[in-house]
Amino acid sequence: MKLRNRVLAVSAALVLTGTALGACAGTAKSSDSKDSGGDVTLALVAYSTPQTAYEQLIAAFQKTDAGKKIKFTQSYGASGDQSRAVANGLKADLVAFSLEPDITRLVTAKLVDASWNADEYKGMITHSVAVIGTRKGNPKNLKTWDDLTKPGVQVLTPNPFTSGGAKWNILAAYGPKSKKGTDKEAGAAYLDALFHNVPVQDNSGRASLQTFTSGKGDAFISYENEALFAQRNGQSVDYTVPDDTILIENPIAVTSNSAHPAEAKAFLAFLHTPAAQKIYAENGYRPVIKDAGGPSFPNPSGLFTVADLGGWSKVNKELFDPGQSVMASIEQKLGVSTSAAPSPAASKK
């Protein structure tokens, strides 16, 4: 089967309404175009999926005494792409990414202080879990990681060399299949079988979900909050939380070169309040504080963390190194790019 990269064309009629699923890599907007004396503008650079949540959070913050004179520019895209953009000069006062290594890159570049994760939340702002999403009614009865490798099943997940969400998806399945990294051969064999069932690899989790809701695939792997987001926007999807899945930990930090560090820290402090954490919860994210209110979430019996797999340094080297790793080998066989540069959706046909 010939493999090639192609630009994914998605029918505008199938794009979700409102802010919907159309948050593309690198999109930017201002929450207020007006300016007045004493106002400051903060630049928020974030990964793609929490765009709706941050728009609501910014509006709520601007109603407080601390936030009433603060404006924002907002940029959303694939987590890895956004992190690299900041490292390459994109202005940012706060960065909110999908996974810790995208913050670590900026620590190395002296753009985020090394103590960014020294608070009681370990630098995290939200949690989630990886889930298996399906068409409404789950017509193919896809509920387990093994179900996703069955012949004829098409599964959507993004490219792990651009998307932080894709890495979480892979680790969620790799953990139980490799017995938390103790049987690496079995884990690698599973991932090879899984990705032979992946017809399209978009560059972000939001783009991957949009591809699914446009009609491609039988299942998708994603954050729990993405599946909830799709349902709340009228999409005909169901999802299953596997018994064995990973706790997704989403970091946030103020940049060390922020022009307005006091205001940026005030916004960060607001984001850890019960009111803000409730907004996250209402958008499908699991709060990092207790008693935030909002909806409750199921507790998978086999929930594990990236620390159980040896930590990010280990899994990045073994699974995600673009030159030599488990996923680099799999992608090379499939003819899919392992470049970290922003690229069109990778697909096979």
Protein backbone atom coordinates (compact mmCIF):
# COMPACT_ATOMS: atom_id res chain seq x y z
CA MET A 1 0.00 0.00 0.00
CA LYS A 2 1.52 3.29 -1.07
CA LEU A 3 1.99 5.78 1.75
CA ARG A 4 2.21 9.52 1.39
CA ASN A 5 1.64 12.73 3.28
CA ARG A 6 -1.38 14.75 2.23
CA VAL A 7 -3.21 17.80 3.45
CA LEU A 8 -6.45 16.79 5.10
CA ALA A 9 -9.46 18.62 3.69
CA VAL A 10 -12.32 18.79 6.15
CA SER A 11 -15.78 19.89 5.06
CA ALA A 12 -16.69 23.17 6.66
CA ALA A 13 -20.21 21.90 7.12
CA LEU A 14 -18.97 19.30 9.56
CA VAL A 15 -16.88 21.63 11.69
CA LEU A 16 -18.27 22.03 15.19
CA THR A 17 -20.10 25.23 16.01
CA GLY A 18 -18.85 28.11 18.14
CA THR A 19 -15.16 27.86 18.86
CA ALA A 20 -15.80 24.16 18.13
CA LEU A 21 -13.14 21.83 16.91
CA GLY A 22 -11.52 24.22 14.50
CA ALA A 23 -8.66 25.33 16.73
CA CYS A 24 -5.68 24.91 14.42
CA ALA A 25 -2.00 24.99 15.16
CA GLY A 26 -0.76 28.50 15.71
CA THR A 27 -4.13 30.27 15.70
CA ALA A 28 -4.07 33.49 17.67
CA LYS A 29 -6.67 35.97 18.82
CA SER A 30 -7.05 38.91 21.14
CA SER A 31 -9.71 38.90 23.82
CA ASP A 32 -10.08 42.68 23.61
CA SER A 33 -8.92 44.98 20.80
CA LYS A 34 -9.37 48.18 22.81
CA ASP A 35 -6.61 49.78 24.85
CA SER A 36 -6.68 52.27 27.69
CA GLY A 37 -4.30 53.78 30.19
CA GLY A 38 -2.93 51.38 32.78
CA ASP A 39 -3.93 48.22 30.92
CA VAL A 40 -1.42 45.46 30.22
CA THR A 41 -1.62 42.64 27.69
CA LEU A 42 -0.53 39.10 28.49
CA ALA A 43 0.32 36.57 25.78
CA LEU A 44 -1.02 33.08 26.49
CA VAL A 45 0.47 30.32 24.36
CA ALA A 46 -1.29 26.99 24.82
CA TYR A 47 -1.94 23.61 23.29
CA SER A 48 -5.01 23.23 21.12
CA THR A 49 -7.65 21.46 23.18
CA PRO A 50 -8.37 23.86 26.07
CA GLN A 51 -9.13 26.89 23.90
CA THR A 52 -12.78 27.10 24.94
CA ALA A 53 -11.86 26.69 28.61
CA TYR A 54 -9.26 29.47 28.45
CA GLU A 55 -11.64 31.86 26.74
CA GLN A 56 -14.08 31.32 29.62
CA LEU A 57 -11.32 31.54 32.23
CA ILE A 58 -9.97 34.79 30.83
CA ALA A 59 -13.45 36.32 30.85
CA ALA A 60 -13.94 35.23 34.47
CA PHE A 61 -10.52 36.57 35.49
CA GLN A 62 -11.23 39.95 33.88
CA LYS A 63 -14.25 40.32 36.17
CA THR A 64 -12.01 40.15 39.25
CA ASP A 65 -10.15 43.08 40.78
CA ALA A 66 -6.82 41.48 39.83
CA GLY A 67 -7.81 40.97 36.21
CA LYS A 68 -9.98 43.90 35.24
CA LYS A 69 -7.12 45.83 33.59
CA ILE A 70 -5.48 42.81 31.96
CA LYS A 71 -5.99 41.90 28.32
CA PHE A 72 -4.81 38.78 26.53
CA THR A 73 -3.59 37.53 23.21
CA GLN A 74 -4.13 33.81 22.77
CA SER A 75 -2.31 31.30 20.57
CA TYR A 76 -3.36 27.64 20.30
CA GLY A 77 -1.82 24.71 18.46
CA ALA A 78 -0.17 21.33 18.83
CA SER A 79 1.71 21.30 22.13
CA GLY A 80 5.12 20.46 20.72
CA ASP A 81 4.76 23.00 17.93
CA GLN A 82 3.77 25.71 20.41
CA SER A 83 6.69 24.93 22.71
CA ARG A 84 9.15 25.08 19.82
CA ALA A 85 7.61 28.34 18.62
CA VAL A 86 8.19 29.96 22.01
CA ALA A 87 11.74 28.61 22.06
CA ASN A 88 12.21 30.21 18.65
CA GLY A 89 10.94 33.62 19.71
CA LEU A 90 7.12 33.60 19.89
CA LYS A 91 6.13 36.08 22.61
CA ALA A 92 4.61 34.41 25.68
CA ASP A 93 3.91 35.46 29.24
CA LEU A 94 2.27 32.17 30.16
CA VAL A 95 2.63 28.77 28.51
CA ALA A 96 0.12 25.96 29.00
CA PHE A 97 1.10 22.71 27.34
CA SER A 98 -0.02 19.12 27.05
CA LEU A 99 2.95 17.55 28.77
CA GLU A 100 5.95 18.36 30.91
CA PRO A 101 8.74 17.98 28.30
CA ASP A 102 7.30 20.92 26.37
CA ILE A 103 7.92 23.08 29.45
CA THR A 104 11.31 21.46 30.03
CA ARG A 105 12.39 22.59 26.55
CA LEU A 106 11.81 26.19 27.66
CA VAL A 107 13.65 25.64 30.94
CA THR A 108 16.64 24.50 28.89
CA ALA A 109 16.27 27.60 26.71
CA LYS A 110 16.25 29.81 29.86
CA LEU A 111 12.71 30.96 29.05
CA VAL A 112 11.06 29.30 32.07
CA ASP A 113 12.59 29.20 35.53
CA ALA A 114 13.79 25.80 36.75
CA SER A 115 11.55 26.12 39.81
CA TRP A 116 8.36 26.27 37.70
CA ASN A 117 7.07 22.99 39.20
CA ALA A 118 8.01 23.65 42.83
CA ASP A 119 4.47 24.54 43.92
CA GLU A 120 2.00 22.21 45.62
CA TYR A 121 0.53 21.27 42.24
CA LYS A 122 3.93 20.27 40.81
CA GLY A 123 3.41 22.82 38.05
CA MET A 124 0.21 21.18 36.81
CA ILE A 125 -3.04 23.01 36.10
CA THR A 126 -5.37 20.18 34.98
CA HIS A 127 -5.56 16.41 34.78
CA SER A 128 -7.34 14.06 32.41
CA VAL A 129 -7.22 10.41 31.32
CA ALA A 130 -6.87 8.78 27.92
CA VAL A 131 -10.07 7.27 26.55
CA ILE A 132 -11.31 5.30 23.55
CA GLY A 133 -13.88 7.27 21.57
CA THR A 134 -16.31 5.69 19.10
CA ARG A 135 -19.33 6.42 16.96
CA LYS A 136 -22.59 6.82 18.86
CA GLY A 137 -23.74 3.44 20.15
CA ASN A 138 -20.25 1.97 19.62
CA PRO A 139 -21.35 -0.13 16.62
CA LYS A 140 -18.09 -2.12 16.51
CA ASN A 141 -18.01 -2.64 20.30
CA LEU A 142 -14.55 -1.12 20.72
CA LYS A 143 -13.84 -0.89 24.44
CA THR A 144 -10.33 -2.20 25.10
CA TRP A 145 -6.83 -1.58 23.79
CA ASP A 146 -6.90 -5.02 22.15
CA ASP A 147 -10.07 -4.10 20.25
CA LEU A 148 -8.18 -1.32 18.47
CA THR A 149 -5.80 -3.75 16.75
CA LYS A 150 -8.53 -5.93 15.23
CA PRO A 151 -8.47 -6.28 11.43
CA GLY A 152 -10.51 -3.66 9.62
CA VAL A 153 -10.72 -1.24 12.54
CA GLN A 154 -9.62 2.32 11.77
CA VAL A 155 -8.26 4.29 14.75
CA LEU A 156 -7.40 7.99 14.82
CA THR A 157 -4.60 9.43 16.94
CA PRO A 158 -2.24 12.32 16.11
CA ASN A 159 1.42 12.21 15.11
CA PRO A 160 3.50 11.86 18.32
CA PHE A 161 6.31 13.93 16.83
CA THR A 162 4.13 17.04 16.74
CA SER A 163 1.39 16.35 19.29
CA GLY A 164 1.74 16.01 23.03
CA GLY A 165 -1.71 14.42 23.14
CA ALA A 166 -0.49 11.66 20.84
CA LYS A 167 2.25 10.79 23.31
CA TRP A 168 -0.30 10.44 26.10
CA ASN A 169 -2.46 8.25 23.86
CA ILE A 170 0.46 5.98 23.09
CA LEU A 171 1.57 5.73 26.71
CA ALA A 172 -1.99 4.91 27.81
CA ALA A 173 -1.96 1.77 25.67
CA TYR A 174 1.75 0.98 25.98
CA GLY A 175 1.60 0.94 29.80
CA PRO A 176 -0.67 -2.10 30.22
CA LYS A 177 0.54 -3.88 27.07
CA SER A 178 4.19 -3.60 28.22
CA LYS A 179 3.35 -4.34 31.86
CA LYS A 180 4.40 -0.78 32.74
CA GLY A 181 7.56 -0.99 30.70
CA THR A 182 8.84 -4.34 32.00
CA ASP A 183 8.01 -6.11 28.71
CA LYS A 184 9.15 -3.58 26.12
CA GLU A 185 9.01 -6.06 23.26
CA ALA A 186 5.32 -6.76 23.86
CA GLY A 187 4.60 -3.05 24.17
CA ALA A 188 6.40 -2.25 20.92
CA ALA A 189 4.61 -5.08 19.10
CA TYR A 190 1.28 -3.70 20.24
CA LEU A 191 2.07 -0.19 19.05
CA ASP A 192 3.17 -1.54 15.68
CA ALA A 193 -0.15 -3.35 15.29
CA LEU A 194 -2.11 -0.32 16.49
CA PHE A 195 -0.51 2.15 14.09
CA HIS A 196 -1.11 -0.14 11.14
CA ASN A 197 -4.78 0.60 11.90
CA VAL A 198 -4.26 4.38 11.97
CA PRO A 199 -5.20 5.85 8.56
CA VAL A 200 -4.55 9.52 9.42
CA GLN A 201 -2.14 11.20 11.84
CA ASP A 202 -3.03 14.85 12.31
CA ASN A 203 -0.64 17.26 14.01
CA SER A 204 -2.78 17.89 17.11
CA GLY A 205 -5.41 16.24 19.27
CA ARG A 206 -8.07 18.79 18.32
CA ALA A 207 -7.41 18.28 14.60
CA SER A 208 -7.58 14.51 15.07
CA LEU A 209 -10.96 14.75 16.77
CA GLN A 210 -12.21 17.01 13.99
CA THR A 211 -11.14 14.40 11.45
CA PHE A 212 -13.14 11.78 13.35
CA THR A 213 -16.26 13.93 13.62
CA SER A 214 -16.03 14.63 9.88
CA GLY A 215 -16.58 10.91 9.28
CA LYS A 216 -13.16 9.23 9.22
CA GLY A 217 -12.39 6.19 11.37
CA ASP A 218 -14.16 3.81 13.74
CA ALA A 219 -12.47 4.97 16.95
CA PHE A 220 -10.20 7.68 18.27
CA ILE A 221 -7.85 7.85 21.23
CA SER A 222 -7.88 11.14 23.07
CA TYR A 223 -8.23 13.01 26.29
CA GLU A 224 -11.40 12.39 28.24
CA ASN A 225 -12.12 16.11 27.99
CA GLU A 226 -12.01 15.98 24.19
CA ALA A 227 -14.66 13.26 24.08
CA LEU A 228 -16.81 15.25 26.48
CA PHE A 229 -16.26 18.39 24.41
CA ALA A 230 -17.47 16.61 21.28
CA GLN A 231 -20.59 15.35 23.04
CA ARG A 232 -21.41 18.77 24.44
CA ASN A 233 -21.12 20.25 20.98
CA GLY A 234 -23.68 17.86 19.56
CA GLN A 235 -21.35 15.34 17.98
CA SER A 236 -22.57 11.75 17.75
CA VAL A 237 -19.79 10.09 19.77
CA ASP A 238 -19.47 7.79 22.76
CA TYR A 239 -16.38 6.94 24.74
CA THR A 240 -15.01 4.32 27.12
CA VAL A 241 -12.52 4.88 29.94
CA PRO A 242 -10.37 1.72 29.88
CA ASP A 243 -9.67 0.06 33.21
CA ASP A 244 -5.96 0.53 32.52
CA THR A 245 -5.21 4.05 31.36
CA ILE A 246 -2.84 6.90 32.13
CA LEU A 247 -3.32 10.00 34.25
CA ILE A 248 -2.69 12.93 31.93
CA GLU A 249 -0.92 15.82 33.69
CA ASN A 250 -1.03 19.21 31.97
CA PRO A 251 1.61 21.82 32.98
CA ILE A 252 1.54 25.60 33.01
CA ALA A 253 4.23 28.21 33.72
CA VAL A 254 5.01 31.91 33.64
CA THR A 255 7.91 32.70 31.34
CA SER A 256 11.08 34.16 32.79
CA ASN A 257 11.15 36.94 30.17
CA SER A 258 7.54 38.03 30.70
CA ALA A 259 7.12 41.80 30.44
CA HIS A 260 4.41 41.61 33.11
CA PRO A 261 5.39 38.85 35.56
CA ALA A 262 3.21 40.12 38.42
CA GLU A 263 0.08 40.09 36.25
CA ALA A 264 0.98 36.72 34.75
CA LYS A 265 1.42 35.24 38.22
CA ALA A 266 -1.91 36.74 39.27
CA PHE A 267 -3.63 34.95 36.41
CA LEU A 268 -1.85 31.71 37.28
CA ALA A 269 -2.97 32.06 40.91
CA PHE A 270 -6.55 32.62 39.72
CA LEU A 271 -6.40 29.44 37.63
CA HIS A 272 -5.81 27.42 40.81
CA THR A 273 -8.86 28.84 42.60
CA PRO A 274 -12.00 26.71 43.06
CA ALA A 275 -13.93 29.00 40.71
CA ALA A 276 -11.42 28.56 37.90
CA GLN A 277 -10.93 24.86 38.50
CA LYS A 278 -14.71 24.43 38.29
CA ILE A 279 -14.61 26.04 34.84
CA TYR A 280 -11.94 23.54 33.81
CA ALA A 281 -14.11 20.71 35.18
CA GLU A 282 -17.13 21.96 33.27
CA ASN A 283 -14.98 21.74 30.14
CA GLY A 284 -14.10 18.11 30.88
CA TYR A 285 -10.76 18.56 32.67
CA ARG A 286 -10.12 16.95 36.03
CA PRO A 287 -9.24 19.61 38.63
CA VAL A 288 -5.90 19.55 40.44
CA ILE A 289 -7.46 20.88 43.64
CA LYS A 290 -9.98 19.20 45.91
CA ASP A 291 -13.57 20.39 46.22
CA ALA A 292 -13.53 22.43 43.03
CA GLY A 293 -17.13 21.54 42.31
CA GLY A 294 -18.55 20.77 38.91
CA PRO A 295 -19.05 17.32 37.41
CA SER A 296 -17.55 14.15 38.87
CA PHE A 297 -15.29 11.78 36.94
CA PRO A 298 -14.89 7.98 36.98
CA ASN A 299 -11.84 6.47 38.67
CA PRO A 300 -10.26 3.74 36.51
CA SER A 301 -9.07 0.78 38.57
CA GLY A 302 -5.73 0.52 36.76
CA LEU A 303 -4.86 4.22 36.56
CA PHE A 304 -1.10 4.81 36.27
CA THR A 305 1.23 7.76 35.66
CA VAL A 306 4.20 8.47 33.43
CA ALA A 307 6.35 8.08 36.54
CA ASP A 308 5.29 4.42 36.65
CA LEU A 309 6.91 4.03 33.23
CA GLY A 310 10.17 5.59 34.37
CA GLY A 311 9.45 9.27 33.74
CA TRP A 312 9.52 11.49 30.68
CA SER A 313 13.27 11.32 30.04
CA LYS A 314 13.11 7.55 29.76
CA VAL A 315 9.94 7.25 27.69
CA ASN A 316 10.96 10.06 25.34
CA LYS A 317 14.25 8.32 24.59
CA GLU A 318 12.79 4.83 24.23
CA LEU A 319 9.51 5.65 22.49
CA PHE A 320 9.65 9.10 20.93
CA ASP A 321 13.19 9.99 19.88
CA PRO A 322 12.77 11.08 16.23
CA GLY A 323 15.98 9.38 15.15
CA GLN A 324 15.90 6.01 16.88
CA SER A 325 12.99 4.85 19.02
CA VAL A 326 9.99 2.55 18.97
CA MET A 327 7.70 5.10 17.36
CA ALA A 328 10.35 6.39 14.94
CA SER A 329 10.78 2.85 13.64
CA ILE A 330 7.04 2.33 13.28
CA GLU A 331 6.47 5.66 11.53
CA GLN A 332 9.35 5.11 9.16
CA LYS A 333 7.85 1.79 8.09
CA LEU A 334 4.52 3.52 7.51
CA GLY A 335 6.10 6.37 5.56
CA VAL A 336 5.02 8.97 8.13
CA SER A 337 7.24 11.90 9.06
CA THR A 338 9.06 11.96 12.39
CA SER A 339 9.99 15.60 11.92
CA ALA A 340 9.18 17.88 14.82
CA ALA A 341 8.41 20.71 12.41
CA PRO A 342 4.76 21.64 11.91
CA SER A 343 3.40 19.66 8.98
CA PRO A 344 0.13 18.69 7.31
CA ALA A 345 -1.71 15.63 8.53
CA ALA A 346 0.18 12.45 7.73
CA SER A 347 -1.97 9.77 6.17
CA LYS A 348 -1.79 6.51 4.34
CA LYS A 349 -4.11 5.37 1.59
